[in-house]
């Protein structure tokens, strides 16, 4: 699929970091509020709801750290594999949210948009990989020039 515009793979990671941060802060806030209410009502301990919201926040924090590490990878083929996984992950979350909890329309839209953006970035990355195959690197050009001088 040939796109007229090129989207950098880093932008997809930044969008995923932004969406993961929104989910992280939302569930961290909701978890703290649930903990404070549970502490006032029952005098202490942790509720299942508090633990669930804290674990979702922790998972989002780890995903943010992973996306930051993915940005540092220089190889385009590795990014293609990673972006396929990112697309599958966001699409899975989107489908599960549609099936389980359609009332949280903001999260459904947010995850759907980031999954769609990852798909567009993946198609753009495929075109970039094809273009990269048809070009020579600086070292290859230098070696070809040296070879041509020897004849």
N, C-alpha and C. Protein backbone atom coordinates (compact mmCIF):
# COMPACT_ATOMS: atom_id res chain seq x y z
N UNK A 1 0.85 -1.17 0.00
CA UNK A 1 0.00 0.00 0.00
C UNK A 1 0.90 1.24 0.00
N UNK A 2 0.72 2.10 -0.97
CA UNK A 2 1.58 3.26 -1.12
C UNK A 2 0.88 4.49 -0.53
N UNK A 3 1.53 5.10 0.48
CA UNK A 3 1.01 6.32 1.08
C UNK A 3 1.77 7.51 0.56
N UNK A 4 1.08 8.63 0.39
CA UNK A 4 1.75 9.84 -0.06
C UNK A 4 2.50 10.52 1.08
N UNK A 5 2.12 10.23 2.30
CA UNK A 5 2.76 10.84 3.45
C UNK A 5 3.46 9.77 4.26
N UNK A 6 4.56 10.17 4.85
CA UNK A 6 5.35 9.25 5.68
C UNK A 6 5.16 9.62 7.15
N UNK A 7 4.81 8.63 7.94
CA UNK A 7 4.66 8.82 9.38
C UNK A 7 5.81 8.09 10.06
N UNK A 8 6.51 8.80 10.90
CA UNK A 8 7.62 8.19 11.62
C UNK A 8 7.08 7.20 12.66
N UNK A 9 7.82 6.13 12.85
CA UNK A 9 7.41 5.13 13.84
C UNK A 9 7.46 5.71 15.25
N UNK A 10 8.30 6.70 15.46
CA UNK A 10 8.41 7.31 16.79
C UNK A 10 7.12 8.02 17.19
N UNK A 11 6.41 8.58 16.21
CA UNK A 11 5.16 9.26 16.51
C UNK A 11 4.13 8.27 17.05
N UNK A 12 4.12 7.09 16.50
CA UNK A 12 3.20 6.06 17.00
C UNK A 12 3.52 5.70 18.45
N UNK A 13 4.80 5.62 18.77
CA UNK A 13 5.18 5.33 20.15
C UNK A 13 4.79 6.49 21.07
N UNK A 14 4.97 7.71 20.62
CA UNK A 14 4.59 8.87 21.44
C UNK A 14 3.08 8.91 21.68
N UNK A 15 2.30 8.58 20.67
CA UNK A 15 0.84 8.53 20.83
C UNK A 15 0.47 7.43 21.82
N UNK A 16 1.14 6.29 21.72
CA UNK A 16 0.87 5.19 22.66
C UNK A 16 1.27 5.58 24.08
N UNK A 17 2.37 6.31 24.21
CA UNK A 17 2.78 6.78 25.54
C UNK A 17 1.74 7.74 26.10
N UNK A 18 1.22 8.62 25.26
CA UNK A 18 0.22 9.59 25.71
C UNK A 18 -1.06 8.88 26.17
N UNK A 19 -1.54 7.94 25.38
CA UNK A 19 -2.76 7.21 25.75
C UNK A 19 -2.53 6.37 27.00
N UNK A 20 -1.38 5.73 27.10
CA UNK A 20 -1.07 4.95 28.29
C UNK A 20 -0.98 5.84 29.52
N UNK A 21 -0.46 7.05 29.36
CA UNK A 21 -0.39 8.00 30.48
C UNK A 21 -1.77 8.43 30.93
N UNK A 22 -2.66 8.66 29.97
CA UNK A 22 -4.04 9.03 30.33
C UNK A 22 -4.69 7.91 31.13
N UNK A 23 -4.53 6.68 30.67
CA UNK A 23 -5.12 5.54 31.37
C UNK A 23 -4.46 5.36 32.74
N UNK A 24 -3.14 5.54 32.80
CA UNK A 24 -2.41 5.43 34.07
C UNK A 24 -2.93 6.42 35.10
N UNK A 25 -3.02 7.70 34.72
CA UNK A 25 -3.45 8.72 35.68
C UNK A 25 -4.92 8.56 36.06
N UNK A 26 -5.76 8.13 35.12
CA UNK A 26 -7.17 7.93 35.43
C UNK A 26 -7.34 6.82 36.47
N UNK A 27 -6.70 5.69 36.23
CA UNK A 27 -6.88 4.57 37.16
C UNK A 27 -6.12 4.78 38.46
N UNK A 28 -5.03 5.53 38.44
CA UNK A 28 -4.34 5.85 39.70
C UNK A 28 -5.23 6.75 40.56
N UNK A 29 -5.85 7.74 39.92
CA UNK A 29 -6.76 8.63 40.64
C UNK A 29 -7.94 7.85 41.21
N UNK A 30 -8.56 7.03 40.37
CA UNK A 30 -9.71 6.25 40.83
C UNK A 30 -9.31 5.27 41.94
N UNK A 31 -8.11 4.71 41.84
CA UNK A 31 -7.64 3.79 42.88
C UNK A 31 -7.41 4.48 44.20
N UNK A 32 -6.84 5.69 44.18
CA UNK A 32 -6.61 6.43 45.42
C UNK A 32 -7.95 6.82 46.05
N UNK A 33 -8.89 7.26 45.23
CA UNK A 33 -10.21 7.62 45.76
C UNK A 33 -10.90 6.40 46.36
N UNK A 34 -10.84 5.27 45.67
CA UNK A 34 -11.45 4.04 46.19
C UNK A 34 -10.77 3.59 47.48
N UNK A 35 -9.46 3.76 47.56
CA UNK A 35 -8.74 3.38 48.79
C UNK A 35 -9.17 4.27 49.96
N UNK A 36 -9.27 5.57 49.71
CA UNK A 36 -9.67 6.49 50.78
C UNK A 36 -11.09 6.22 51.25
N UNK A 37 -11.98 5.92 50.33
CA UNK A 37 -13.36 5.60 50.71
C UNK A 37 -13.40 4.29 51.48
N UNK A 38 -12.67 3.29 51.03
CA UNK A 38 -12.65 2.00 51.72
C UNK A 38 -12.05 2.13 53.11
N UNK A 39 -11.02 2.95 53.24
CA UNK A 39 -10.39 3.15 54.55
C UNK A 39 -11.35 3.84 55.52
N UNK A 40 -12.12 4.80 55.03
CA UNK A 40 -13.07 5.49 55.90
C UNK A 40 -14.24 4.60 56.29
N UNK A 41 -14.69 3.77 55.38
CA UNK A 41 -15.84 2.92 55.67
C UNK A 41 -15.49 1.70 56.51
N UNK A 42 -14.35 1.07 56.22
CA UNK A 42 -14.04 -0.20 56.86
C UNK A 42 -12.80 -0.14 57.76
N UNK A 43 -12.13 0.98 57.83
CA UNK A 43 -11.03 1.14 58.76
C UNK A 43 -9.68 0.64 58.29
N UNK A 44 -9.52 0.19 57.10
CA UNK A 44 -8.22 -0.23 56.62
C UNK A 44 -8.33 -1.41 55.68
N UNK A 45 -7.18 -1.91 55.29
CA UNK A 45 -7.15 -3.02 54.36
C UNK A 45 -7.31 -2.55 52.92
N UNK A 46 -7.20 -3.50 52.02
CA UNK A 46 -7.33 -3.18 50.60
C UNK A 46 -8.51 -3.93 50.00
N UNK A 47 -9.23 -3.24 49.21
CA UNK A 47 -10.36 -3.82 48.50
C UNK A 47 -9.89 -4.36 47.16
N UNK A 48 -10.65 -5.27 46.58
CA UNK A 48 -10.31 -5.82 45.28
C UNK A 48 -10.31 -4.74 44.21
N UNK A 49 -11.23 -3.81 44.30
CA UNK A 49 -11.32 -2.71 43.35
C UNK A 49 -10.07 -1.84 43.40
N UNK A 50 -9.57 -1.59 44.58
CA UNK A 50 -8.36 -0.78 44.73
C UNK A 50 -7.16 -1.51 44.11
N UNK A 51 -7.05 -2.79 44.39
CA UNK A 51 -5.94 -3.57 43.84
C UNK A 51 -6.01 -3.67 42.33
N UNK A 52 -7.21 -3.83 41.79
CA UNK A 52 -7.37 -3.91 40.34
C UNK A 52 -6.96 -2.60 39.68
N UNK A 53 -7.40 -1.49 40.22
CA UNK A 53 -7.04 -0.19 39.64
C UNK A 53 -5.55 0.10 39.79
N UNK A 54 -4.96 -0.31 40.90
CA UNK A 54 -3.52 -0.12 41.07
C UNK A 54 -2.73 -0.99 40.11
N UNK A 55 -3.20 -2.21 39.86
CA UNK A 55 -2.48 -3.08 38.93
C UNK A 55 -2.60 -2.58 37.50
N UNK A 56 -3.75 -2.04 37.11
CA UNK A 56 -3.88 -1.45 35.77
C UNK A 56 -2.94 -0.26 35.63
N UNK A 57 -2.83 0.55 36.67
CA UNK A 57 -1.90 1.68 36.64
C UNK A 57 -0.46 1.20 36.52
N UNK A 58 -0.12 0.14 37.24
CA UNK A 58 1.23 -0.40 37.17
C UNK A 58 1.55 -0.97 35.79
N UNK A 59 0.59 -1.64 35.19
CA UNK A 59 0.80 -2.19 33.85
C UNK A 59 1.00 -1.06 32.85
N UNK A 60 0.22 0.00 32.97
CA UNK A 60 0.38 1.14 32.05
C UNK A 60 1.73 1.81 32.24
N UNK A 61 2.21 1.87 33.48
CA UNK A 61 3.53 2.45 33.72
C UNK A 61 4.62 1.61 33.06
N UNK A 62 4.51 0.30 33.16
CA UNK A 62 5.49 -0.58 32.51
C UNK A 62 5.41 -0.47 30.99
N UNK A 63 4.20 -0.31 30.44
CA UNK A 63 4.07 -0.11 29.00
C UNK A 63 4.72 1.19 28.55
N UNK A 64 4.58 2.23 29.35
CA UNK A 64 5.22 3.50 29.02
C UNK A 64 6.73 3.33 28.97
N UNK A 65 7.29 2.61 29.94
CA UNK A 65 8.73 2.36 29.94
C UNK A 65 9.15 1.54 28.71
N UNK A 66 8.33 0.58 28.32
CA UNK A 66 8.63 -0.22 27.12
C UNK A 66 8.60 0.65 25.87
N UNK A 67 7.60 1.50 25.74
CA UNK A 67 7.51 2.36 24.56
C UNK A 67 8.72 3.31 24.48
N UNK A 68 9.19 3.78 25.62
CA UNK A 68 10.38 4.64 25.64
C UNK A 68 11.60 3.86 25.15
N UNK A 69 11.70 2.60 25.54
CA UNK A 69 12.82 1.78 25.07
C UNK A 69 12.69 1.45 23.59
N UNK A 70 11.47 1.27 23.10
CA UNK A 70 11.26 0.98 21.68
C UNK A 70 11.70 2.13 20.79
N UNK A 71 11.58 3.35 21.28
CA UNK A 71 11.97 4.52 20.49
C UNK A 71 13.46 4.48 20.16
N UNK A 72 14.26 3.90 21.02
CA UNK A 72 15.71 3.90 20.87
C UNK A 72 16.23 2.87 19.86
N UNK A 73 15.39 1.97 19.38
CA UNK A 73 15.82 0.92 18.46
C UNK A 73 16.01 1.52 17.07
N UNK A 74 17.19 1.30 16.41
CA UNK A 74 17.42 1.93 15.11
C UNK A 74 16.91 1.15 13.91
N UNK A 75 16.66 -0.15 14.02
CA UNK A 75 16.33 -1.00 12.88
C UNK A 75 14.86 -0.88 12.51
N UNK A 76 14.57 -0.65 11.22
CA UNK A 76 13.19 -0.50 10.77
C UNK A 76 12.42 -1.82 10.79
N UNK A 77 13.09 -2.92 10.51
CA UNK A 77 12.40 -4.21 10.52
C UNK A 77 11.98 -4.59 11.93
N UNK A 78 12.78 -4.23 12.91
CA UNK A 78 12.40 -4.47 14.30
C UNK A 78 11.19 -3.62 14.67
N UNK A 79 11.16 -2.39 14.18
CA UNK A 79 10.01 -1.52 14.44
C UNK A 79 8.75 -2.07 13.80
N UNK A 80 8.89 -2.69 12.63
CA UNK A 80 7.73 -3.29 11.99
C UNK A 80 7.14 -4.39 12.87
N UNK A 81 8.00 -5.23 13.42
CA UNK A 81 7.54 -6.30 14.29
C UNK A 81 6.91 -5.74 15.56
N UNK A 82 7.54 -4.74 16.15
CA UNK A 82 7.03 -4.13 17.37
C UNK A 82 5.70 -3.45 17.11
N UNK A 83 5.60 -2.72 15.99
CA UNK A 83 4.35 -2.02 15.69
C UNK A 83 3.21 -3.00 15.40
N UNK A 84 3.53 -4.15 14.85
CA UNK A 84 2.49 -5.17 14.68
C UNK A 84 1.95 -5.60 16.05
N UNK A 85 2.86 -5.82 16.98
CA UNK A 85 2.44 -6.18 18.34
C UNK A 85 1.66 -5.08 19.03
N UNK A 86 2.10 -3.84 18.84
CA UNK A 86 1.39 -2.70 19.42
C UNK A 86 -0.01 -2.60 18.83
N UNK A 87 -0.12 -2.79 17.51
CA UNK A 87 -1.43 -2.74 16.87
C UNK A 87 -2.34 -3.86 17.39
N UNK A 88 -1.81 -5.05 17.52
CA UNK A 88 -2.61 -6.17 18.03
C UNK A 88 -3.03 -5.90 19.47
N UNK A 89 -2.11 -5.34 20.27
CA UNK A 89 -2.43 -5.04 21.67
C UNK A 89 -3.53 -4.00 21.81
N UNK A 90 -3.41 -2.88 21.11
CA UNK A 90 -4.43 -1.83 21.21
C UNK A 90 -5.75 -2.29 20.61
N UNK A 91 -5.70 -3.08 19.55
CA UNK A 91 -6.93 -3.59 18.95
C UNK A 91 -7.62 -4.56 19.90
N UNK A 92 -6.85 -5.38 20.59
CA UNK A 92 -7.43 -6.30 21.57
C UNK A 92 -8.11 -5.56 22.70
N UNK A 93 -7.45 -4.52 23.19
CA UNK A 93 -8.05 -3.71 24.26
C UNK A 93 -9.33 -3.05 23.76
N UNK A 94 -9.29 -2.54 22.53
CA UNK A 94 -10.48 -1.91 21.94
C UNK A 94 -11.65 -2.88 21.85
N UNK A 95 -11.39 -4.08 21.34
CA UNK A 95 -12.46 -5.07 21.19
C UNK A 95 -13.00 -5.51 22.54
N UNK A 96 -12.11 -5.72 23.50
CA UNK A 96 -12.56 -6.12 24.84
C UNK A 96 -13.39 -5.02 25.48
N UNK A 97 -12.98 -3.76 25.31
CA UNK A 97 -13.78 -2.66 25.86
C UNK A 97 -15.14 -2.56 25.20
N UNK A 98 -15.21 -2.81 23.91
CA UNK A 98 -16.50 -2.77 23.22
C UNK A 98 -17.41 -3.88 23.74
N UNK A 99 -16.86 -5.05 23.96
CA UNK A 99 -17.67 -6.19 24.42
C UNK A 99 -18.07 -6.02 25.88
N UNK A 100 -17.11 -5.67 26.72
CA UNK A 100 -17.34 -5.68 28.17
C UNK A 100 -17.99 -4.39 28.67
N UNK A 101 -17.46 -3.24 28.25
CA UNK A 101 -17.88 -1.99 28.87
C UNK A 101 -18.02 -0.90 27.81
N UNK A 102 -19.07 -0.93 27.07
CA UNK A 102 -19.29 0.06 26.02
C UNK A 102 -19.65 1.43 26.61
N UNK A 103 -20.04 1.46 27.89
CA UNK A 103 -20.43 2.73 28.50
C UNK A 103 -19.26 3.69 28.69
N UNK A 104 -18.04 3.17 28.75
CA UNK A 104 -16.87 4.04 28.86
C UNK A 104 -16.40 4.41 27.45
N UNK A 105 -17.18 5.24 26.81
CA UNK A 105 -16.99 5.55 25.39
C UNK A 105 -15.66 6.27 25.15
N UNK A 106 -15.17 7.04 26.12
CA UNK A 106 -13.90 7.74 25.93
C UNK A 106 -12.73 6.79 25.79
N UNK A 107 -12.71 5.75 26.61
CA UNK A 107 -11.63 4.77 26.50
C UNK A 107 -11.76 3.95 25.23
N UNK A 108 -12.99 3.67 24.83
CA UNK A 108 -13.20 2.93 23.58
C UNK A 108 -12.68 3.74 22.40
N UNK A 109 -13.04 5.01 22.36
CA UNK A 109 -12.57 5.87 21.27
C UNK A 109 -11.06 6.07 21.31
N UNK A 110 -10.52 6.26 22.50
CA UNK A 110 -9.08 6.48 22.64
C UNK A 110 -8.28 5.28 22.17
N UNK A 111 -8.67 4.09 22.60
CA UNK A 111 -7.93 2.89 22.18
C UNK A 111 -8.17 2.57 20.71
N UNK A 112 -9.36 2.85 20.22
CA UNK A 112 -9.63 2.64 18.80
C UNK A 112 -8.81 3.56 17.92
N UNK A 113 -8.70 4.81 18.31
CA UNK A 113 -7.90 5.77 17.53
C UNK A 113 -6.42 5.43 17.54
N UNK A 114 -5.89 5.03 18.69
CA UNK A 114 -4.46 4.71 18.74
C UNK A 114 -4.19 3.41 17.98
N UNK A 115 -5.13 2.47 17.96
CA UNK A 115 -4.96 1.25 17.17
C UNK A 115 -4.97 1.59 15.68
N UNK A 116 -5.88 2.46 15.26
CA UNK A 116 -5.94 2.88 13.86
C UNK A 116 -4.68 3.64 13.46
N UNK A 117 -4.19 4.50 14.34
CA UNK A 117 -2.96 5.25 14.06
C UNK A 117 -1.76 4.31 13.97
N UNK A 118 -1.72 3.29 14.80
CA UNK A 118 -0.63 2.30 14.72
C UNK A 118 -0.69 1.54 13.40
N UNK A 119 -1.89 1.24 12.92
CA UNK A 119 -2.04 0.55 11.65
C UNK A 119 -1.55 1.43 10.49
N UNK A 120 -1.91 2.70 10.50
CA UNK A 120 -1.44 3.61 9.45
C UNK A 120 0.08 3.75 9.49
N UNK A 121 0.63 3.84 10.69
CA UNK A 121 2.09 3.93 10.84
C UNK A 121 2.76 2.65 10.35
N UNK A 122 2.14 1.52 10.58
CA UNK A 122 2.68 0.25 10.12
C UNK A 122 2.72 0.19 8.60
N UNK A 123 1.65 0.65 7.93
CA UNK A 123 1.65 0.69 6.46
C UNK A 123 2.72 1.65 5.94
N UNK A 124 2.87 2.78 6.59
CA UNK A 124 3.89 3.75 6.20
C UNK A 124 5.29 3.17 6.40
N UNK A 125 5.47 2.42 7.46
CA UNK A 125 6.77 1.80 7.74
C UNK A 125 7.09 0.74 6.71
N UNK A 126 6.09 0.01 6.25
CA UNK A 126 6.31 -0.97 5.18
C UNK A 126 6.86 -0.28 3.93
N UNK A 127 6.28 0.87 3.58
CA UNK A 127 6.77 1.63 2.42
C UNK A 127 8.19 2.12 2.64
N UNK A 128 8.50 2.56 3.85
CA UNK A 128 9.85 3.02 4.15
C UNK A 128 10.86 1.89 4.04
N UNK A 129 10.48 0.69 4.47
CA UNK A 129 11.38 -0.46 4.37
C UNK A 129 11.63 -0.81 2.91
N UNK A 130 10.58 -0.76 2.07
CA UNK A 130 10.75 -1.03 0.65
C UNK A 130 11.64 0.01 -0.01
N UNK A 131 11.48 1.28 0.37
CA UNK A 131 12.33 2.33 -0.19
C UNK A 131 13.78 2.17 0.26
N UNK A 132 13.97 1.71 1.50
CA UNK A 132 15.33 1.53 2.02
C UNK A 132 16.05 0.40 1.30
N UNK A 133 15.33 -0.61 0.85
CA UNK A 133 15.95 -1.73 0.13
C UNK A 133 16.50 -1.28 -1.22
N UNK A 134 15.88 -0.27 -1.81
CA UNK A 134 16.28 0.19 -3.14
C UNK A 134 17.38 1.25 -3.12
N UNK A 135 17.87 1.62 -1.97
CA UNK A 135 18.92 2.64 -1.89
C UNK A 135 20.20 2.02 -1.34
N UNK A 136 21.30 2.64 -1.67
CA UNK A 136 22.60 2.19 -1.18
C UNK A 136 23.01 3.04 0.02
N UNK A 137 23.72 2.42 0.95
CA UNK A 137 24.24 3.17 2.08
C UNK A 137 25.51 3.89 1.67
N UNK A 138 25.97 4.78 2.52
CA UNK A 138 27.20 5.53 2.25
C UNK A 138 28.40 4.60 2.11
N UNK A 139 28.45 3.59 2.94
CA UNK A 139 29.58 2.65 2.90
C UNK A 139 29.56 1.85 1.60
N UNK A 140 28.37 1.44 1.14
CA UNK A 140 28.27 0.70 -0.11
C UNK A 140 28.68 1.57 -1.30
N UNK A 141 28.29 2.83 -1.29
CA UNK A 141 28.68 3.75 -2.37
C UNK A 141 30.19 3.93 -2.38
N UNK A 142 30.79 4.10 -1.21
CA UNK A 142 32.23 4.26 -1.10
C UNK A 142 32.96 3.02 -1.62
N UNK A 143 32.49 1.84 -1.24
CA UNK A 143 33.14 0.60 -1.69
C UNK A 143 33.00 0.41 -3.19
N UNK A 144 31.87 0.78 -3.76
CA UNK A 144 31.69 0.69 -5.21
C UNK A 144 32.61 1.67 -5.94
N UNK A 145 32.81 2.85 -5.38
CA UNK A 145 33.72 3.83 -5.99
C UNK A 145 35.16 3.33 -5.93
N UNK A 146 35.54 2.73 -4.83
CA UNK A 146 36.89 2.19 -4.70
C UNK A 146 37.10 1.04 -5.68
N UNK A 147 36.10 0.22 -5.85
CA UNK A 147 36.17 -0.89 -6.79
C UNK A 147 36.28 -0.40 -8.23
N UNK A 148 35.56 0.67 -8.55
CA UNK A 148 35.60 1.22 -9.89
C UNK A 148 36.97 1.85 -10.19
N UNK A 149 37.64 2.40 -9.21
CA UNK A 149 38.97 3.02 -9.40
C UNK A 149 40.05 1.97 -9.65
N UNK A 150 39.89 0.78 -9.11
CA UNK A 150 40.90 -0.26 -9.25
C UNK A 150 40.91 -0.83 -10.66
N UNK A 151 39.82 -0.80 -11.39
CA UNK A 151 39.77 -1.37 -12.74
C UNK A 151 40.36 -0.45 -13.68
